[in-house]
N, C-alpha and C. Protein backbone atom coordinates (compact mmCIF):
# COMPACT_ATOMS: atom_id res chain seq x y z
N MET A 1 56.33 -8.53 42.79
CA MET A 1 56.57 -9.26 43.37
C MET A 1 58.03 -9.82 43.80
N GLY A 2 58.80 -9.49 45.10
CA GLY A 2 59.79 -9.86 45.46
C GLY A 2 60.33 -11.10 45.79
N ARG A 3 61.31 -11.51 45.97
CA ARG A 3 61.82 -12.96 46.37
C ARG A 3 61.99 -13.03 47.87
N ASP A 4 60.99 -14.13 48.28
CA ASP A 4 61.09 -14.25 49.54
C ASP A 4 62.47 -14.87 50.23
N PRO A 5 62.66 -14.08 51.63
CA PRO A 5 63.82 -14.03 51.91
C PRO A 5 64.08 -15.39 52.51
N ASP A 6 63.10 -16.14 53.02
CA ASP A 6 63.24 -17.46 53.69
C ASP A 6 64.26 -18.48 52.88
N LEU A 7 63.90 -18.24 51.47
CA LEU A 7 64.17 -19.09 50.49
C LEU A 7 65.81 -19.06 50.48
N GLY A 8 66.57 -17.83 50.49
CA GLY A 8 68.02 -17.58 50.57
C GLY A 8 68.26 -18.49 52.03
N ARG A 9 67.69 -18.16 53.21
CA ARG A 9 68.24 -19.19 54.29
C ARG A 9 67.99 -20.17 53.97
N ARG A 10 66.92 -20.72 53.81
CA ARG A 10 66.63 -22.54 53.45
C ARG A 10 67.56 -22.89 52.48
N ASP A 11 68.07 -22.21 51.43
CA ASP A 11 69.38 -22.80 50.71
C ASP A 11 70.65 -22.77 51.61
N PHE A 12 70.94 -22.06 52.54
CA PHE A 12 71.77 -22.10 53.20
C PHE A 12 71.85 -22.99 54.26
N LEU A 13 70.76 -23.19 54.71
CA LEU A 13 70.61 -24.35 55.90
C LEU A 13 70.75 -25.80 55.04
N ASN A 14 70.46 -26.22 54.03
CA ASN A 14 70.19 -27.01 53.38
C ASN A 14 71.96 -27.57 52.64
N THR A 15 72.42 -26.41 52.42
CA THR A 15 74.07 -26.65 51.68
C THR A 15 74.82 -27.07 53.13
N ALA A 16 74.64 -26.44 54.55
CA ALA A 16 75.12 -26.43 55.52
C ALA A 16 75.14 -27.68 55.82
N THR A 17 73.71 -28.44 56.33
CA THR A 17 73.16 -29.29 56.65
C THR A 17 74.37 -30.53 56.03
N THR A 18 73.94 -30.71 54.52
CA THR A 18 74.56 -31.52 53.74
C THR A 18 76.27 -31.38 54.06
N LEU A 19 76.47 -30.52 53.99
CA LEU A 19 78.13 -30.70 54.23
C LEU A 19 78.27 -31.36 55.71
N VAL A 20 78.03 -30.70 56.79
CA VAL A 20 78.06 -31.40 58.12
C VAL A 20 77.80 -32.88 58.37
N ALA A 21 76.68 -33.16 57.43
CA ALA A 21 76.42 -35.09 57.30
C ALA A 21 77.32 -35.61 56.67
N GLY A 22 77.82 -35.09 55.44
CA GLY A 22 78.90 -35.54 54.53
C GLY A 22 80.34 -35.78 55.44
N ALA A 23 80.43 -34.69 56.26
CA ALA A 23 81.74 -34.64 57.05
C ALA A 23 81.68 -35.82 58.26
N GLY A 24 80.32 -36.17 58.90
CA GLY A 24 79.97 -36.88 59.82
C GLY A 24 80.09 -38.40 59.12
N LEU A 25 79.82 -38.46 58.07
CA LEU A 25 79.53 -40.00 57.39
C LEU A 25 81.05 -40.67 57.17
N ALA A 26 82.08 -39.37 56.61
CA ALA A 26 83.25 -39.63 56.27
C ALA A 26 84.06 -39.95 57.90
N ALA A 27 83.81 -39.12 58.57
CA ALA A 27 84.52 -39.51 60.02
C ALA A 27 83.85 -40.63 60.73
N ALA A 28 82.68 -41.24 60.51
CA ALA A 28 82.30 -42.55 60.90
C ALA A 28 83.01 -43.55 60.34
N ALA A 29 82.87 -43.32 58.92
CA ALA A 29 83.53 -44.16 58.01
C ALA A 29 85.12 -44.83 58.22
N TRP A 30 85.75 -43.64 58.36
CA TRP A 30 87.39 -43.85 58.55
C TRP A 30 87.66 -45.47 59.35
N PRO A 31 87.67 -45.21 60.55
CA PRO A 31 87.82 -46.64 61.07
C PRO A 31 87.73 -47.77 60.51
N PHE A 32 86.42 -47.82 59.74
CA PHE A 32 86.43 -49.18 58.93
C PHE A 32 87.30 -49.21 57.56
N ILE A 33 87.37 -48.16 56.71
CA ILE A 33 88.43 -47.91 55.92
C ILE A 33 89.91 -48.20 56.43
N SER A 34 89.96 -47.76 57.49
CA SER A 34 91.55 -47.78 58.08
C SER A 34 92.13 -49.27 58.46
N SER A 35 90.71 -50.06 58.90
CA SER A 35 91.03 -51.48 59.47
C SER A 35 91.20 -52.13 58.02
N MET A 36 91.24 -51.87 57.06
CA MET A 36 91.44 -52.65 55.72
C MET A 36 92.82 -52.56 55.42
N ASN A 37 93.85 -51.77 55.75
CA ASN A 37 95.13 -51.75 55.78
C ASN A 37 95.91 -53.05 56.33
N PRO A 38 97.02 -53.34 55.62
CA PRO A 38 97.74 -54.85 56.38
C PRO A 38 97.91 -54.24 57.73
N SER A 39 98.16 -55.46 58.42
CA SER A 39 98.68 -55.35 59.96
C SER A 39 100.01 -55.13 59.86
N SER A 40 100.60 -54.66 61.11
CA SER A 40 101.68 -54.33 61.04
C SER A 40 102.51 -55.79 61.12
N ASN A 41 102.14 -56.90 61.47
CA ASN A 41 103.30 -58.00 61.27
C ASN A 41 103.00 -58.44 59.95
N VAL A 42 101.90 -57.79 59.04
CA VAL A 42 102.06 -58.60 57.60
C VAL A 42 102.99 -57.59 57.22
N LEU A 43 103.17 -56.10 57.37
CA LEU A 43 103.73 -55.31 56.80
C LEU A 43 105.39 -55.63 57.14
N ALA A 44 105.68 -56.03 58.38
CA ALA A 44 106.85 -56.74 58.77
C ALA A 44 107.32 -57.76 58.01
N ARG A 45 106.50 -58.79 57.39
CA ARG A 45 107.06 -59.85 56.69
C ARG A 45 106.76 -59.63 54.92
N ALA A 46 106.88 -58.14 54.61
CA ALA A 46 106.70 -57.76 53.22
C ALA A 46 107.81 -58.34 52.60
N SER A 47 109.08 -58.31 53.32
CA SER A 47 110.38 -58.90 52.84
C SER A 47 110.70 -59.92 53.91
N THR A 48 111.54 -61.09 53.30
CA THR A 48 111.94 -62.15 54.06
C THR A 48 113.06 -62.64 53.87
N GLU A 49 114.12 -62.63 54.58
CA GLU A 49 115.50 -62.69 54.83
C GLU A 49 115.65 -64.36 55.17
N VAL A 50 116.42 -65.21 54.11
CA VAL A 50 116.42 -66.42 54.26
C VAL A 50 118.33 -66.60 54.74
N ASP A 51 118.42 -67.98 55.60
CA ASP A 51 120.00 -67.89 55.75
C ASP A 51 119.82 -69.58 55.09
N LEU A 52 120.61 -69.38 54.03
CA LEU A 52 120.77 -70.51 53.37
C LEU A 52 122.05 -71.57 53.86
N SER A 53 122.88 -70.77 54.94
CA SER A 53 123.96 -71.93 55.26
C SER A 53 123.40 -73.36 55.80
N ASN A 54 122.01 -73.47 56.43
CA ASN A 54 121.98 -74.37 57.02
C ASN A 54 120.74 -75.42 56.31
N ILE A 55 120.64 -75.17 54.85
CA ILE A 55 120.02 -76.05 54.39
C ILE A 55 120.66 -76.91 53.47
N THR A 56 120.70 -78.19 53.61
CA THR A 56 121.69 -79.16 53.22
C THR A 56 121.24 -79.71 51.41
N PRO A 57 121.87 -79.80 50.53
CA PRO A 57 121.69 -80.37 49.10
C PRO A 57 120.12 -81.43 49.50
N ALA A 58 119.31 -81.23 48.37
CA ALA A 58 118.08 -81.81 48.54
C ALA A 58 117.11 -81.61 49.78
N GLU A 59 117.46 -80.54 50.01
CA GLU A 59 116.19 -80.30 51.28
C GLU A 59 115.61 -78.56 50.98
N VAL A 60 114.44 -78.58 51.37
CA VAL A 60 113.84 -77.54 51.13
C VAL A 60 113.18 -76.88 52.13
N ARG A 61 113.33 -75.57 52.33
CA ARG A 61 112.96 -74.95 53.64
C ARG A 61 111.84 -74.31 52.74
N THR A 62 110.61 -74.03 53.99
CA THR A 62 109.44 -73.42 53.83
C THR A 62 109.62 -72.39 54.47
N VAL A 63 109.09 -71.04 54.19
CA VAL A 63 109.25 -69.99 54.74
C VAL A 63 107.91 -68.91 54.35
N ALA A 64 107.88 -68.15 55.25
CA ALA A 64 106.54 -67.20 54.88
C ALA A 64 107.03 -65.96 54.50
N TRP A 65 106.16 -65.42 53.02
CA TRP A 65 106.51 -64.46 52.68
C TRP A 65 105.08 -63.51 51.94
N GLN A 66 104.88 -62.55 52.74
CA GLN A 66 103.28 -62.06 52.49
C GLN A 66 102.12 -62.86 52.82
N GLY A 67 102.54 -63.91 53.74
CA GLY A 67 101.37 -64.51 54.31
C GLY A 67 101.37 -65.94 53.30
N LYS A 68 102.02 -66.24 52.18
CA LYS A 68 102.22 -67.26 51.44
C LYS A 68 103.37 -68.19 51.91
N PRO A 69 103.28 -69.40 51.76
CA PRO A 69 104.38 -70.27 51.48
C PRO A 69 105.76 -70.04 50.29
N VAL A 70 106.79 -70.03 50.73
CA VAL A 70 107.69 -70.01 49.89
C VAL A 70 108.65 -71.07 49.93
N PHE A 71 108.79 -72.09 48.50
CA PHE A 71 109.67 -73.29 48.94
C PHE A 71 111.10 -72.57 48.54
N VAL A 72 112.19 -72.87 49.13
CA VAL A 72 113.75 -72.51 48.98
C VAL A 72 114.19 -74.21 48.96
N PHE A 73 114.68 -74.37 47.70
CA PHE A 73 114.86 -75.82 47.53
C PHE A 73 116.49 -75.95 47.08
N HIS A 74 117.21 -76.29 47.88
CA HIS A 74 118.65 -76.50 47.73
C HIS A 74 118.87 -77.76 46.83
N ARG A 75 119.08 -77.63 45.34
CA ARG A 75 119.16 -78.84 44.59
C ARG A 75 120.63 -79.32 44.52
N THR A 76 120.36 -80.71 44.21
CA THR A 76 121.69 -81.33 44.09
C THR A 76 122.12 -81.62 42.46
N LEU A 77 123.42 -81.71 42.45
CA LEU A 77 123.91 -81.61 40.92
C LEU A 77 122.95 -82.42 39.94
N GLU A 78 122.45 -83.80 40.39
CA GLU A 78 122.02 -84.52 39.60
C GLU A 78 120.74 -83.92 39.18
N GLN A 79 119.92 -83.17 40.04
CA GLN A 79 118.52 -82.51 39.61
C GLN A 79 118.77 -81.88 39.02
N ILE A 80 119.83 -80.67 39.04
CA ILE A 80 119.99 -79.68 38.23
C ILE A 80 119.96 -80.10 36.81
N ALA A 81 121.10 -80.97 36.88
CA ALA A 81 120.95 -82.03 35.38
C ALA A 81 119.94 -81.94 34.54
N ALA A 82 119.37 -82.70 35.38
CA ALA A 82 117.85 -83.25 34.75
C ALA A 82 117.15 -82.07 34.60
N MET A 83 116.81 -81.34 35.21
CA MET A 83 115.89 -80.06 34.81
C MET A 83 116.33 -79.02 33.74
N ALA A 84 117.84 -79.23 33.64
CA ALA A 84 118.25 -78.57 32.42
C ALA A 84 117.97 -79.26 31.06
N GLN A 85 117.93 -80.37 31.11
CA GLN A 85 117.42 -81.25 29.63
C GLN A 85 115.91 -81.14 29.33
N SER A 86 114.89 -80.43 30.32
CA SER A 86 113.50 -80.60 29.55
C SER A 86 113.28 -79.07 29.76
N LEU A 87 111.97 -78.60 29.36
CA LEU A 87 111.31 -77.49 29.38
C LEU A 87 110.23 -77.80 30.31
N GLY A 88 110.01 -78.64 30.86
CA GLY A 88 108.82 -79.05 31.55
C GLY A 88 107.72 -79.55 30.77
N SER A 89 106.36 -79.24 30.83
CA SER A 89 105.08 -79.87 29.84
C SER A 89 104.81 -78.74 28.80
N ASP A 90 104.10 -78.83 27.65
CA ASP A 90 103.84 -78.09 26.55
C ASP A 90 102.73 -76.85 27.30
N LYS A 91 102.10 -77.28 28.34
CA LYS A 91 101.41 -76.19 29.11
C LYS A 91 101.93 -75.23 29.26
N ASP A 92 102.97 -74.79 29.81
CA ASP A 92 103.86 -73.37 30.26
C ASP A 92 105.38 -73.99 30.01
N PRO A 93 106.22 -74.42 28.95
CA PRO A 93 107.30 -74.57 28.97
C PRO A 93 108.17 -73.48 29.30
N GLU A 94 109.21 -74.07 29.81
CA GLU A 94 110.13 -72.55 30.50
C GLU A 94 111.30 -73.39 30.93
N PRO A 95 112.86 -72.55 30.39
CA PRO A 95 113.80 -73.55 30.70
C PRO A 95 113.94 -73.14 31.96
N ASP A 96 114.93 -73.89 32.69
CA ASP A 96 115.40 -73.94 34.16
C ASP A 96 116.21 -72.73 34.21
N ALA A 97 117.05 -72.48 33.61
CA ALA A 97 117.77 -71.46 33.63
C ALA A 97 116.85 -69.85 33.99
N GLU A 98 115.59 -70.11 33.31
CA GLU A 98 114.83 -68.91 33.46
C GLU A 98 114.29 -68.72 34.75
N ARG A 99 114.16 -69.56 35.40
CA ARG A 99 113.41 -69.80 36.80
C ARG A 99 114.28 -69.90 37.77
N VAL A 100 115.56 -69.76 37.38
CA VAL A 100 116.91 -69.61 39.23
C VAL A 100 117.88 -68.50 38.31
N GLN A 101 117.85 -67.87 39.71
CA GLN A 101 119.18 -67.26 39.65
C GLN A 101 120.47 -67.83 39.59
N ARG A 102 120.48 -68.96 40.64
CA ARG A 102 121.86 -69.58 40.55
C ARG A 102 121.00 -71.06 40.74
N PRO A 103 121.57 -71.78 39.89
CA PRO A 103 121.24 -73.21 39.61
C PRO A 103 121.03 -73.95 40.57
N GLU A 104 121.94 -74.06 41.79
CA GLU A 104 121.43 -74.81 42.88
C GLU A 104 120.47 -74.45 43.76
N TRP A 105 119.61 -73.55 43.58
CA TRP A 105 118.69 -72.54 44.58
C TRP A 105 117.28 -72.66 43.92
N LEU A 106 116.54 -73.31 43.92
CA LEU A 106 114.95 -72.74 43.30
C LEU A 106 114.09 -72.33 44.51
N VAL A 107 113.60 -71.13 44.05
CA VAL A 107 113.13 -70.08 45.26
C VAL A 107 111.38 -69.91 44.24
N VAL A 108 110.31 -70.68 44.88
CA VAL A 108 109.24 -70.58 44.31
C VAL A 108 107.98 -70.23 45.25
N ILE A 109 106.98 -69.81 45.12
CA ILE A 109 105.64 -69.62 45.80
C ILE A 109 105.13 -70.96 45.91
N GLY A 110 104.65 -71.20 47.25
CA GLY A 110 104.59 -72.60 47.22
C GLY A 110 102.69 -72.92 47.05
N LEU A 111 102.48 -72.27 46.24
CA LEU A 111 100.94 -72.22 46.44
C LEU A 111 100.55 -72.94 44.41
N CYS A 112 99.89 -74.11 44.66
CA CYS A 112 99.47 -74.17 43.29
C CYS A 112 98.75 -73.42 42.43
N THR A 113 98.86 -73.48 41.18
CA THR A 113 98.46 -72.58 40.49
C THR A 113 97.12 -72.42 39.74
N HIS A 114 96.23 -73.80 40.43
CA HIS A 114 95.20 -74.01 39.92
C HIS A 114 94.12 -73.50 40.81
N LEU A 115 94.17 -74.06 42.18
CA LEU A 115 93.06 -73.61 43.32
C LEU A 115 93.82 -72.79 44.62
N GLY A 116 95.10 -72.59 44.35
CA GLY A 116 96.12 -72.15 45.75
C GLY A 116 96.15 -72.98 46.72
N CYS A 117 96.03 -74.53 46.59
CA CYS A 117 96.34 -75.50 47.36
C CYS A 117 97.98 -75.42 47.67
N VAL A 118 98.27 -76.09 48.68
CA VAL A 118 100.04 -76.18 49.02
C VAL A 118 100.42 -77.53 48.50
N PRO A 119 101.25 -77.57 47.40
CA PRO A 119 101.68 -78.64 47.14
C PRO A 119 102.48 -79.57 48.07
N ASN A 120 102.69 -81.01 48.03
CA ASN A 120 103.56 -81.85 48.91
C ASN A 120 104.99 -82.03 48.12
N ARG A 121 105.96 -82.14 48.98
CA ARG A 121 107.22 -82.64 48.10
C ARG A 121 107.52 -83.73 48.14
N LYS A 122 107.71 -84.18 46.75
CA LYS A 122 107.87 -85.50 46.45
C LYS A 122 109.42 -85.67 45.64
N PRO A 123 109.91 -86.91 45.51
CA PRO A 123 111.20 -86.98 44.74
C PRO A 123 111.37 -86.19 43.43
N HIS A 124 110.22 -86.07 43.11
CA HIS A 124 110.19 -85.59 41.07
C HIS A 124 110.18 -84.27 41.51
N GLY A 125 109.57 -83.81 42.45
CA GLY A 125 108.95 -82.14 42.61
C GLY A 125 107.84 -81.97 43.66
N TRP A 126 106.85 -81.68 43.26
CA TRP A 126 105.67 -81.35 44.11
C TRP A 126 104.53 -81.89 43.47
N ASP A 127 103.43 -82.52 44.36
CA ASP A 127 102.13 -82.78 43.99
C ASP A 127 101.09 -82.08 44.75
N CYS A 128 100.27 -81.82 44.03
CA CYS A 128 99.05 -80.88 44.65
C CYS A 128 98.30 -82.20 45.03
N PRO A 129 97.66 -81.90 46.63
CA PRO A 129 96.94 -83.22 46.97
C PRO A 129 95.31 -83.03 46.44
N CYS A 130 95.15 -81.74 46.21
CA CYS A 130 93.69 -81.36 46.20
C CYS A 130 93.09 -81.90 44.77
N HIS A 131 94.02 -81.80 43.59
CA HIS A 131 93.43 -81.95 42.16
C HIS A 131 94.57 -82.72 41.21
N GLY A 132 95.42 -83.22 41.73
CA GLY A 132 96.62 -83.73 40.99
C GLY A 132 97.87 -83.34 40.21
N SER A 133 97.69 -81.98 40.47
CA SER A 133 98.52 -81.19 39.71
C SER A 133 100.12 -81.69 40.18
N VAL A 134 100.89 -81.86 38.92
CA VAL A 134 102.13 -82.70 39.22
C VAL A 134 103.20 -80.96 39.10
N TYR A 135 104.19 -81.13 39.82
CA TYR A 135 105.31 -79.68 39.14
C TYR A 135 106.56 -80.81 39.75
N ASP A 136 107.50 -80.38 38.67
CA ASP A 136 109.02 -81.00 38.61
C ASP A 136 109.99 -80.06 39.84
N ASN A 137 110.98 -80.30 39.54
CA ASN A 137 111.92 -79.71 40.70
C ASN A 137 112.64 -78.48 40.34
N SER A 138 112.00 -78.19 38.85
CA SER A 138 112.21 -76.70 38.86
C SER A 138 110.87 -75.74 38.92
N GLY A 139 109.61 -76.62 39.55
CA GLY A 139 108.70 -75.85 39.79
C GLY A 139 107.44 -75.81 38.64
N ARG A 140 107.86 -76.52 37.54
CA ARG A 140 107.18 -76.34 36.48
C ARG A 140 106.27 -77.58 36.24
N ILE A 141 104.72 -77.15 35.69
CA ILE A 141 103.80 -78.13 35.85
C ILE A 141 104.16 -79.10 34.87
N LEU A 142 103.65 -80.43 35.05
CA LEU A 142 103.96 -81.51 34.11
C LEU A 142 102.90 -81.92 33.85
N LYS A 143 101.84 -81.94 34.59
CA LYS A 143 100.06 -82.87 34.54
C LYS A 143 99.22 -82.26 35.32
N GLY A 144 98.16 -82.33 35.19
CA GLY A 144 97.05 -82.02 35.97
C GLY A 144 96.15 -80.76 35.58
N PRO A 145 95.18 -79.77 36.16
CA PRO A 145 94.21 -79.16 35.94
C PRO A 145 95.48 -77.64 36.15
N ALA A 146 96.66 -77.43 36.80
CA ALA A 146 97.29 -76.35 36.89
C ALA A 146 97.23 -75.81 35.44
N PRO A 147 97.03 -74.42 35.56
CA PRO A 147 97.45 -73.87 34.15
C PRO A 147 99.04 -73.42 34.14
N ARG A 148 99.76 -73.12 34.95
CA ARG A 148 100.99 -72.81 34.74
C ARG A 148 102.09 -72.90 35.47
N ASN A 149 103.29 -72.56 35.83
CA ASN A 149 104.17 -73.37 36.50
C ASN A 149 103.92 -72.49 37.92
N LEU A 150 104.82 -72.98 38.95
CA LEU A 150 104.62 -72.77 40.22
C LEU A 150 105.27 -70.99 39.91
N ASP A 151 104.78 -69.88 40.78
CA ASP A 151 105.29 -68.56 40.38
C ASP A 151 106.56 -68.32 41.24
N LEU A 152 107.32 -67.54 40.75
CA LEU A 152 108.54 -67.00 41.13
C LEU A 152 108.46 -65.64 42.06
N PRO A 153 108.79 -65.55 43.49
CA PRO A 153 108.52 -64.19 43.71
C PRO A 153 110.08 -63.26 43.43
N PRO A 154 109.79 -62.29 43.56
CA PRO A 154 111.13 -61.25 43.03
C PRO A 154 112.37 -61.88 44.59
N TYR A 155 113.22 -62.22 44.11
CA TYR A 155 114.41 -62.26 45.25
C TYR A 155 115.66 -61.80 44.88
N GLU A 156 116.71 -62.05 45.60
CA GLU A 156 117.98 -61.22 45.52
C GLU A 156 118.88 -62.08 46.26
N PHE A 157 120.33 -62.71 46.03
CA PHE A 157 121.22 -62.90 47.02
C PHE A 157 121.81 -61.85 47.48
N LEU A 158 121.96 -61.76 48.63
CA LEU A 158 122.77 -60.94 49.60
C LEU A 158 124.20 -61.21 49.89
N ALA A 159 124.22 -62.42 49.93
CA ALA A 159 125.38 -63.13 49.87
C ALA A 159 125.21 -64.53 49.54
N ALA A 160 126.59 -65.45 49.62
CA ALA A 160 126.47 -66.84 49.15
C ALA A 160 125.48 -67.46 50.18
N ASP A 161 125.13 -67.02 51.29
CA ASP A 161 124.50 -67.34 52.03
C ASP A 161 123.31 -66.79 52.50
N ARG A 162 122.93 -66.29 51.96
CA ARG A 162 121.83 -65.11 51.97
C ARG A 162 120.71 -64.77 51.40
N LEU A 163 119.48 -64.98 51.39
CA LEU A 163 118.55 -64.83 50.23
C LEU A 163 117.42 -63.81 50.72
N LEU A 164 117.34 -62.57 49.95
CA LEU A 164 116.12 -61.73 50.25
C LEU A 164 114.99 -61.80 49.32
N ILE A 165 113.81 -62.18 50.20
CA ILE A 165 112.66 -62.33 48.94
C ILE A 165 112.21 -61.04 49.30
N LYS A 166 112.09 -60.08 48.51
CA LYS A 166 111.34 -58.71 48.26
C LYS A 166 110.08 -58.62 48.52
N LYS A 167 109.63 -57.14 48.48
CA LYS A 167 108.15 -57.01 48.66
C LYS A 167 108.01 -57.00 47.01
N ALA A 168 106.49 -57.43 46.58
CA ALA A 168 106.28 -57.42 45.41
C ALA A 168 105.79 -56.25 44.85
């Protein structure tokens, strides 16, 4: 009994059909996969440069960075002194000096660490309107359901009046 010659041909056709179908599926899926990449305007905002020269003491400037609000807060000497006196709350204690590179400038991501709401500016710091989390002028959680302090973006000072919020 010899081997049927059609079996070899059938195996070849099955293999070739599978390879062509796989290549076709990959070609059809490519536009969908490619659409998940960040758009050019998001990539352009991966880093944000901020001019600090026109932010007066006690003023907060909100800038966009990677689709998130970032609060750039020019603190007064009184606010700096008050923040140096405490560690925030027991929930996430942190010295003010570890949250800033220069005492007069606080740079924090403006999203509540509870559910991502944007907190409102108040004289004592920030209040989250959604669930009542309260942050001080160092972005440290004081009370409410937020589990931790406001997050710090990676940043550096390019000059006395220029700040670069870098890619994460």
